[in-house]
Amino acid sequence: MITHLVTQLIGSGAEAVPTQVLNPPPQAPPGIDQLASQIVGWLKWGVLVVGVAGILVCAAVIIIGRRHRGGLAQEGLIGSLWVLGGLTLASLAAVLVGAFAGPGAQ
């Protein structure tokens, strides 16, 4: 019914109305794709270095807090869970972005 009303209102120009919205796949501007890949590589490397450092710091806090400082050891355990959660999110970044961007993004 709505289609019929729109056709009546537009008249003979109904054929000019597009039936689908254009959805082209993402495309890097010329010359940028190599730079973008390099920056993403640097970020991955940085996340790995910070992740290893975070796990080592949390392990040290657990070891130091083992005797007579139970709260400190607990903070180390909670911190290690946050570090592992961040590393998991970083490792799934490409998959998550691909899932939200849709099938044309690959």
Protein backbone atom coordinates (compact mmCIF):
# COMPACT_ATOMS: atom_id res chain seq x y z
CA MET A 1 0.00 0.00 0.00
CA ILE A 2 2.81 2.41 0.88
CA THR A 3 4.60 1.54 -2.36
CA HIS A 4 1.45 2.31 -4.28
CA LEU A 5 1.11 5.70 -2.54
CA VAL A 6 4.75 6.58 -3.20
CA THR A 7 4.34 5.61 -6.84
CA GLN A 8 1.23 7.79 -7.09
CA LEU A 9 2.97 10.76 -5.47
CA ILE A 10 6.14 10.51 -7.55
CA GLY A 11 4.29 9.68 -10.74
CA SER A 12 6.34 8.69 -13.74
CA GLY A 13 9.63 9.40 -11.92
CA ALA A 14 9.30 6.25 -9.82
CA GLU A 15 11.77 4.41 -12.03
CA ALA A 16 14.54 6.86 -11.06
CA VAL A 17 14.30 5.95 -7.34
CA PRO A 18 17.05 3.43 -6.47
CA THR A 19 15.79 0.19 -4.96
CA GLN A 20 19.04 -0.56 -3.11
CA VAL A 21 21.55 1.60 -1.32
CA LEU A 22 25.07 1.26 -2.68
CA ASN A 23 27.36 -0.69 -0.35
CA PRO A 24 30.86 -0.84 -1.83
CA PRO A 25 33.59 -2.73 0.03
CA PRO A 26 36.15 -0.71 1.99
CA GLN A 27 39.10 0.39 -0.08
CA ALA A 28 42.32 2.03 1.09
CA PRO A 29 43.28 5.32 -0.52
CA PRO A 30 46.18 4.97 -2.97
CA GLY A 31 49.53 4.69 -1.21
CA ILE A 32 48.07 4.40 2.29
CA ASP A 33 47.62 0.62 2.58
CA GLN A 34 51.33 -0.08 3.17
CA LEU A 35 51.56 2.64 5.83
CA ALA A 36 48.38 1.37 7.52
CA SER A 37 49.75 -2.19 7.58
CA GLN A 38 52.98 -0.95 9.12
CA ILE A 39 51.14 1.00 11.83
CA VAL A 40 48.91 -1.98 12.66
CA GLY A 41 52.03 -4.18 12.86
CA TRP A 42 53.66 -1.72 15.28
CA LEU A 43 50.50 -1.68 17.43
CA LYS A 44 50.40 -5.50 17.53
CA TRP A 45 54.04 -5.59 18.59
CA GLY A 46 53.37 -2.97 21.28
CA VAL A 47 50.41 -4.91 22.64
CA LEU A 48 52.53 -8.06 22.87
CA VAL A 49 55.35 -6.29 24.71
CA VAL A 50 52.97 -4.58 27.13
CA GLY A 51 51.09 -7.86 27.64
CA VAL A 52 54.26 -9.76 28.55
CA ALA A 53 55.34 -6.94 30.88
CA GLY A 54 51.89 -6.88 32.48
CA ILE A 55 51.91 -10.61 33.16
CA LEU A 56 55.42 -10.39 34.63
CA VAL A 57 54.44 -7.48 36.89
CA CYS A 58 51.32 -9.33 38.06
CA ALA A 59 53.41 -12.43 38.78
CA ALA A 60 55.85 -10.36 40.83
CA VAL A 61 52.98 -8.79 42.80
CA ILE A 62 51.56 -12.26 43.53
CA ILE A 63 54.96 -13.51 44.68
CA ILE A 64 55.58 -10.46 46.89
CA GLY A 65 52.08 -10.62 48.38
CA ARG A 66 52.21 -14.35 49.11
CA ARG A 67 53.39 -13.88 52.68
CA HIS A 68 51.51 -11.60 55.07
CA ARG A 69 50.03 -9.46 52.28
CA GLY A 70 47.00 -11.36 51.02
CA GLY A 71 45.41 -8.25 49.53
CA LEU A 72 48.45 -7.61 47.37
CA ALA A 73 48.42 -11.19 46.05
CA GLN A 74 44.72 -10.85 45.29
CA GLU A 75 45.37 -7.63 43.36
CA GLY A 76 48.01 -9.48 41.34
CA LEU A 77 45.53 -12.21 40.44
CA ILE A 78 42.86 -9.71 39.45
CA GLY A 79 45.41 -7.73 37.44
CA SER A 80 46.49 -10.85 35.58
CA LEU A 81 42.87 -11.49 34.59
CA TRP A 82 42.65 -7.95 33.19
CA VAL A 83 45.90 -8.44 31.27
CA LEU A 84 44.67 -11.74 29.82
CA GLY A 85 41.35 -10.11 28.91
CA GLY A 86 43.15 -7.29 27.11
CA LEU A 87 45.37 -9.74 25.22
CA THR A 88 42.32 -11.75 24.22
CA LEU A 89 40.57 -8.65 22.93
CA ALA A 90 43.69 -7.61 21.01
CA SER A 91 44.02 -11.04 19.41
CA LEU A 92 40.36 -10.99 18.35
CA ALA A 93 40.43 -7.41 17.04
CA ALA A 94 40.50 -8.30 13.34
CA VAL A 95 37.76 -10.91 13.76
CA LEU A 96 35.51 -8.51 15.67
CA VAL A 97 35.96 -5.70 13.17
CA GLY A 98 35.26 -8.12 10.31
CA ALA A 99 32.10 -9.32 12.03
CA PHE A 100 30.73 -5.79 12.45
CA ALA A 101 31.89 -4.49 9.07
CA GLY A 102 30.02 -7.20 7.20
CA PRO A 103 30.91 -9.61 4.42
CA GLY A 104 32.05 -6.92 1.97
CA ALA A 105 34.86 -5.79 4.28
CA GLN A 106 37.22 -8.65 3.52
